[in-house]
Amino acid sequence: MRIRAGYEIAYDCPAPTPMLLMLNVRPERRPDLETPDTIYSQPNVDVTHYRDLFGNTCSRIIAPAGRLTLSADFVIRDSGLPDPLAVGAEQHPVESLPHEAMTFLLPSRYCEMEHLNDLAWKLFGQVEPGWSRVQAILDYAHARIRFGYEHARPTKTAFEAHEERQGVCRDYAHLAITLCRCMNIPARYCTGYLGDIGVAPSPNPMDFSAWFQVYLGGAWHTVDARHNKPRIGRTLMAIGRDATDVALITNFGPATLAGFTVITEAIEESSGRTQPGLFVREAAGGATQGM
């Protein structure tokens, strides 16, 4: 399968403003790119790249005063298969976990385990450790939160999403990640592209998506509390402890989001056309610190 993906994001800056971008696909997906996921800017600005502590590709720019538009439009190959289910994968005792997984057992900014630890053990303590426990957590988070863009709030934590019972994809992920960590299952936050491939088209405008990965049976496995079912065509951009670590754009000074468009669509092999089309969401204003 071939997928067209990309974005167009515009900012208005009253003065030159440094920005940190996390808009490229993860390095492990780069071999799948048919065309480069180059970050274009209008007006043209210098871009420098580096890898962060989690292996994500980061870019640094200085946005000039006035309107800055960032964009990309690329094609990536995908297996076309739904997310594999790790049914039967075993949960590792904490003392047997690899060192690199330990970070993803700890509390983080949006995943405040101290407020949910007792609830987690009450709900899932008697569930068989491993995949069955993860699935129980997914089911709970999926049922607990009602989705709606109007419920988005950049400061909302896992506990707040649990109590308010509403949110967006990042809130489903934060809640499920926190519950997994409370149960000693390493869990890390993911952001990337996820189009309506193999499912009925959503009436909601296209956006970047959040899901997460759990460490079971010696490997990381993709799971999704919002949709709670395998999906086709995920394109991973970044991983971290929570949304703090994978903010798509961080501006170090005043900047107003002026436009936001995301593309994720399958390419029809017979015609070369894409489907189902371009989704656009115009920004209401405000600075984007993370999606």
Protein backbone atom coordinates (compact mmCIF):
# COMPACT_ATOMS: atom_id res chain seq x y z
CA MET A 1 0.00 0.00 0.00
CA ARG A 2 1.10 3.58 -0.73
CA ILE A 3 -0.03 6.48 1.43
CA ARG A 4 0.14 10.19 0.72
CA ALA A 5 0.74 12.23 3.87
CA GLY A 6 1.68 15.75 4.77
CA TYR A 7 0.58 19.02 6.31
CA GLU A 8 0.43 22.79 5.95
CA ILE A 9 0.77 24.75 9.18
CA ALA A 10 0.86 28.56 9.36
CA TYR A 11 1.93 30.87 12.19
CA ASP A 12 1.85 34.63 12.65
CA CYS A 13 4.80 35.89 14.69
CA PRO A 14 5.16 39.50 15.93
CA ALA A 15 8.95 39.12 16.02
CA PRO A 16 11.58 36.54 15.02
CA THR A 17 10.79 33.43 17.08
CA PRO A 18 12.88 30.28 17.59
CA MET A 19 10.87 27.08 17.03
CA LEU A 20 11.51 23.40 17.64
CA LEU A 21 9.79 21.08 15.14
CA MET A 22 9.06 17.37 15.32
CA LEU A 23 7.42 16.94 11.92
CA ASN A 24 9.42 14.15 10.27
CA VAL A 25 8.64 10.45 10.37
CA ARG A 26 10.59 8.29 12.83
CA PRO A 27 13.99 7.11 11.55
CA GLU A 28 12.84 3.48 11.42
CA ARG A 29 10.14 4.45 8.88
CA ARG A 30 12.48 6.41 6.62
CA PRO A 31 13.32 3.36 4.44
CA ASP A 32 9.60 3.23 3.57
CA LEU A 33 9.56 6.75 2.11
CA GLU A 34 9.09 6.88 -1.66
CA THR A 35 9.51 10.65 -1.63
CA PRO A 36 11.29 12.64 1.09
CA ASP A 37 9.31 14.15 3.97
CA THR A 38 11.17 17.44 3.57
CA ILE A 39 9.99 20.40 5.65
CA TYR A 40 9.31 23.34 3.31
CA SER A 41 8.86 26.89 4.56
CA GLN A 42 7.47 30.09 3.10
CA PRO A 43 9.37 32.35 3.40
CA ASN A 44 12.45 30.16 3.27
CA VAL A 45 14.24 29.63 6.59
CA ASP A 46 17.31 27.65 7.58
CA VAL A 47 16.55 24.26 9.17
CA THR A 48 18.96 22.24 11.31
CA HIS A 49 18.28 18.69 12.51
CA TYR A 50 19.22 16.52 15.46
CA ARG A 51 18.07 13.36 17.28
CA ASP A 52 16.59 13.72 20.76
CA LEU A 53 16.95 11.32 23.71
CA PHE A 54 14.12 9.14 22.36
CA GLY A 55 15.54 8.88 18.84
CA ASN A 56 13.04 11.30 17.28
CA THR A 57 14.12 13.59 14.44
CA CYS A 58 13.92 17.21 15.60
CA SER A 59 14.39 20.41 13.60
CA ARG A 60 15.27 23.93 14.69
CA ILE A 61 14.29 27.12 12.88
CA ILE A 62 13.89 30.82 13.56
CA ALA A 63 10.48 31.95 12.31
CA PRO A 64 10.66 35.48 10.88
CA ALA A 65 8.27 38.22 11.91
CA GLY A 66 4.99 37.91 10.02
CA ARG A 67 3.39 34.82 8.46
CA LEU A 68 5.38 31.56 8.31
CA THR A 69 3.96 28.52 6.52
CA LEU A 70 5.47 25.06 7.05
CA SER A 71 4.51 22.21 4.74
CA ALA A 72 5.33 18.71 3.55
CA ASP A 73 3.74 16.35 1.04
CA PHE A 74 5.22 12.87 0.64
CA VAL A 75 4.43 9.25 -0.20
CA ILE A 76 5.25 6.35 2.11
CA ARG A 77 4.88 2.61 1.63
CA ASP A 78 2.91 0.58 4.16
CA SER A 79 2.15 -3.11 4.60
CA GLY A 80 -1.58 -2.40 4.35
CA LEU A 81 -2.14 -4.75 7.27
CA PRO A 82 -3.96 -3.87 10.50
CA ASP A 83 -1.99 -3.43 13.72
CA PRO A 84 -0.93 -6.91 14.90
CA LEU A 85 -2.46 -8.10 18.16
CA ALA A 86 0.00 -9.42 20.73
CA VAL A 87 -2.46 -11.92 22.18
CA GLY A 88 -0.65 -14.11 24.69
CA ALA A 89 2.32 -11.75 25.11
CA GLU A 90 3.64 -12.02 28.66
CA GLN A 91 4.21 -9.23 31.13
CA HIS A 92 7.77 -8.97 32.42
CA PRO A 93 8.53 -8.69 36.13
CA VAL A 94 9.99 -5.25 36.78
CA GLU A 95 13.35 -6.73 37.72
CA SER A 96 13.56 -8.43 34.30
CA LEU A 97 12.81 -5.36 32.19
CA PRO A 98 15.57 -3.91 29.98
CA HIS A 99 17.06 -0.66 31.26
CA GLU A 100 15.60 1.39 28.39
CA ALA A 101 12.04 0.36 29.33
CA MET A 102 12.30 1.64 32.92
CA THR A 103 11.74 5.28 31.92
CA PHE A 104 8.30 4.30 30.67
CA LEU A 105 7.24 2.98 34.08
CA LEU A 106 7.63 6.36 35.78
CA PRO A 107 5.18 9.24 36.23
CA SER A 108 5.45 12.09 33.73
CA ARG A 109 3.85 15.50 33.26
CA TYR A 110 0.51 14.29 31.88
CA CYS A 111 0.60 10.82 33.41
CA GLU A 112 0.37 11.43 37.15
CA MET A 113 0.28 7.87 38.47
CA GLU A 114 -0.22 8.86 42.11
CA HIS A 115 -3.87 9.80 41.43
CA LEU A 116 -4.76 6.59 39.58
CA ASN A 117 -2.61 3.90 41.19
CA ASP A 118 -5.20 2.65 43.71
CA LEU A 119 -7.94 2.65 41.06
CA ALA A 120 -5.74 0.72 38.62
CA TRP A 121 -4.99 -2.05 41.09
CA LYS A 122 -8.65 -2.23 42.09
CA LEU A 123 -9.81 -2.54 38.48
CA PHE A 124 -7.04 -4.64 36.95
CA GLY A 125 -5.21 -6.34 39.82
CA GLN A 126 -7.13 -9.58 39.30
CA VAL A 127 -6.83 -9.57 35.51
CA GLU A 128 -4.25 -11.97 34.07
CA PRO A 129 -0.95 -10.09 33.59
CA GLY A 130 0.17 -9.47 30.04
CA TRP A 131 -1.97 -8.86 26.97
CA SER A 132 -5.25 -9.58 28.79
CA ARG A 133 -4.48 -6.84 31.31
CA VAL A 134 -3.54 -4.37 28.57
CA GLN A 135 -6.76 -5.13 26.72
CA ALA A 136 -8.78 -4.59 29.89
CA ILE A 137 -7.11 -1.18 30.30
CA LEU A 138 -7.83 -0.29 26.67
CA ASP A 139 -11.47 -1.26 27.08
CA TYR A 140 -11.77 0.85 30.22
CA ALA A 141 -10.14 3.99 28.77
CA HIS A 142 -12.12 3.64 25.53
CA ALA A 143 -15.41 3.49 27.43
CA ARG A 144 -14.48 6.10 30.02
CA ILE A 145 -13.80 9.03 27.65
CA ARG A 146 -16.14 10.62 25.12
CA PHE A 147 -14.33 11.97 22.06
CA GLY A 148 -14.75 15.55 20.85
CA TYR A 149 -12.39 18.25 19.55
CA GLU A 150 -14.27 20.74 21.70
CA HIS A 151 -12.96 18.86 24.75
CA ALA A 152 -9.29 19.43 23.85
CA ARG A 153 -7.15 21.27 26.37
CA PRO A 154 -3.34 21.33 26.16
CA THR A 155 -2.93 21.17 29.95
CA LYS A 156 -5.30 18.25 30.55
CA THR A 157 -3.74 15.34 32.45
CA ALA A 158 -4.70 11.67 32.55
CA PHE A 159 -6.47 12.09 35.88
CA GLU A 160 -8.39 15.13 34.67
CA ALA A 161 -9.47 13.27 31.53
CA HIS A 162 -10.60 10.36 33.71
CA GLU A 163 -12.67 12.63 35.94
CA GLU A 164 -14.10 14.79 33.14
CA ARG A 165 -14.82 11.71 30.97
CA GLN A 166 -14.18 13.57 27.73
CA GLY A 167 -11.24 14.46 25.55
CA VAL A 168 -9.32 13.82 22.33
CA CYS A 169 -6.93 11.07 21.23
CA ARG A 170 -4.08 12.31 23.43
CA ASP A 171 -6.34 12.04 26.49
CA TYR A 172 -7.25 8.42 25.72
CA ALA A 173 -3.54 7.68 25.33
CA HIS A 174 -2.51 9.48 28.52
CA LEU A 175 -5.16 7.70 30.59
CA ALA A 176 -4.33 4.23 29.26
CA ILE A 177 -0.57 4.83 29.53
CA THR A 178 -0.96 5.90 33.15
CA LEU A 179 -3.05 2.85 34.04
CA CYS A 180 -0.52 0.56 32.34
CA ARG A 181 2.37 2.10 34.25
CA CYS A 182 0.44 1.76 37.49
CA MET A 183 0.26 -1.97 36.70
CA ASN A 184 4.03 -2.13 36.02
CA ILE A 185 3.62 -2.33 32.23
CA PRO A 186 6.02 0.03 30.38
CA ALA A 187 4.03 2.31 28.09
CA ARG A 188 5.21 5.09 25.78
CA TYR A 189 3.29 7.80 23.95
CA CYS A 190 3.24 7.91 20.12
CA THR A 191 2.20 10.56 17.62
CA GLY A 192 1.86 10.35 13.87
CA TYR A 193 -0.48 10.06 10.90
CA LEU A 194 -3.55 7.81 10.94
CA GLY A 195 -5.98 8.19 8.05
CA ASP A 196 -9.41 6.67 7.51
CA ILE A 197 -7.98 3.66 5.67
CA GLY A 198 -10.04 0.48 5.83
CA VAL A 199 -12.76 2.19 7.91
CA ALA A 200 -15.73 4.42 7.19
CA PRO A 201 -14.56 8.03 6.61
CA SER A 202 -14.89 10.20 9.68
CA PRO A 203 -16.85 13.48 9.39
CA ASN A 204 -14.26 15.11 11.65
CA PRO A 205 -11.43 17.07 9.99
CA MET A 206 -8.13 15.25 9.60
CA ASP A 207 -5.57 15.74 12.35
CA PHE A 208 -2.41 14.12 13.61
CA SER A 209 -3.17 11.19 15.89
CA ALA A 210 -1.97 9.87 19.24
CA TRP A 211 -1.69 6.25 20.33
CA PHE A 212 0.82 4.34 22.45
CA GLN A 213 3.01 1.26 22.74
CA VAL A 214 3.37 -1.28 25.54
CA TYR A 215 6.36 -3.49 26.30
CA LEU A 216 5.32 -7.14 26.55
CA GLY A 217 7.04 -10.38 25.57
CA GLY A 218 10.34 -8.67 24.81
CA ALA A 219 8.96 -6.17 22.27
CA TRP A 220 6.99 -2.95 21.91
CA HIS A 221 3.42 -3.36 20.63
CA THR A 222 1.13 -0.69 19.17
CA VAL A 223 -2.21 -0.16 20.93
CA ASP A 224 -4.89 2.52 20.64
CA ALA A 225 -7.35 3.35 23.41
CA ARG A 226 -9.37 5.79 21.35
CA HIS A 227 -10.26 3.40 18.53
CA ASN A 228 -9.65 0.19 20.51
CA LYS A 229 -9.26 -1.92 17.39
CA PRO A 230 -6.47 -2.59 14.88
CA ARG A 231 -6.08 0.11 12.25
CA ILE A 232 -4.30 0.30 8.90
CA GLY A 233 -1.69 2.81 7.82
CA ARG A 234 -0.17 4.28 10.97
CA THR A 235 2.86 6.44 10.17
CA LEU A 236 4.88 6.99 13.33
CA MET A 237 6.53 10.38 13.80
CA ALA A 238 7.70 10.45 17.43
CA ILE A 239 7.67 8.60 20.75
CA GLY A 240 8.15 9.81 24.32
CA ARG A 241 6.92 9.64 27.88
CA ASP A 242 3.79 11.67 27.06
CA ALA A 243 2.72 14.56 24.83
CA THR A 244 5.40 16.78 26.40
CA ASP A 245 8.15 14.87 24.61
CA VAL A 246 6.51 14.78 21.17
CA ALA A 247 5.16 18.31 20.69
CA LEU A 248 5.00 18.81 16.92
CA ILE A 249 5.87 22.50 17.19
CA THR A 250 7.23 24.34 20.21
CA ASN A 251 7.62 28.11 19.88
CA PHE A 252 9.97 30.03 22.15
CA GLY A 253 8.07 33.31 22.02
CA PRO A 254 4.68 34.67 20.91
CA ALA A 255 3.21 32.93 17.87
CA THR A 256 -0.41 32.56 16.74
CA LEU A 257 -1.54 29.48 14.86
CA ALA A 258 -3.15 30.81 11.66
CA GLY A 259 -3.85 27.66 9.64
CA PHE A 260 -3.66 23.89 10.05
CA THR A 261 -4.14 21.22 7.39
CA VAL A 262 -3.24 17.51 7.58
CA ILE A 263 -3.30 15.00 4.71
CA THR A 264 -3.39 11.22 5.19
CA GLU A 265 -4.92 9.17 2.39
CA ALA A 266 -4.41 5.91 0.55
CA ILE A 267 -3.31 6.05 -3.08
CA GLU A 268 -5.43 3.97 -5.44
CA GLU A 269 -2.91 1.74 -7.17
CA SER A 270 -4.91 1.43 -10.40
CA SER A 271 -5.28 5.15 -11.02
CA GLY A 272 -2.62 6.76 -8.87
CA ARG A 273 -5.33 8.95 -7.35
CA THR A 274 -5.69 9.46 -3.64
CA GLN A 275 -8.77 8.86 -1.56
CA PRO A 276 -10.90 10.01 0.20
CA GLY A 277 -9.53 13.54 -0.33
CA LEU A 278 -8.04 16.42 1.57
CA PHE A 279 -9.31 17.31 5.03
CA VAL A 280 -8.74 20.83 6.32
CA ARG A 281 -9.08 22.26 9.84
CA GLU A 282 -8.65 25.99 10.17
CA ALA A 283 -7.07 27.13 13.41
CA ALA A 284 -9.02 29.29 15.84
CA GLY A 285 -5.80 30.88 17.06
CA GLY A 286 -3.33 30.25 19.84
CA ALA A 287 0.10 28.70 20.00
CA THR A 288 0.62 25.01 19.30
CA GLN A 289 2.76 23.37 21.94
CA GLY A 290 1.80 19.79 21.06
CA MET A 291 -0.88 17.70 19.38
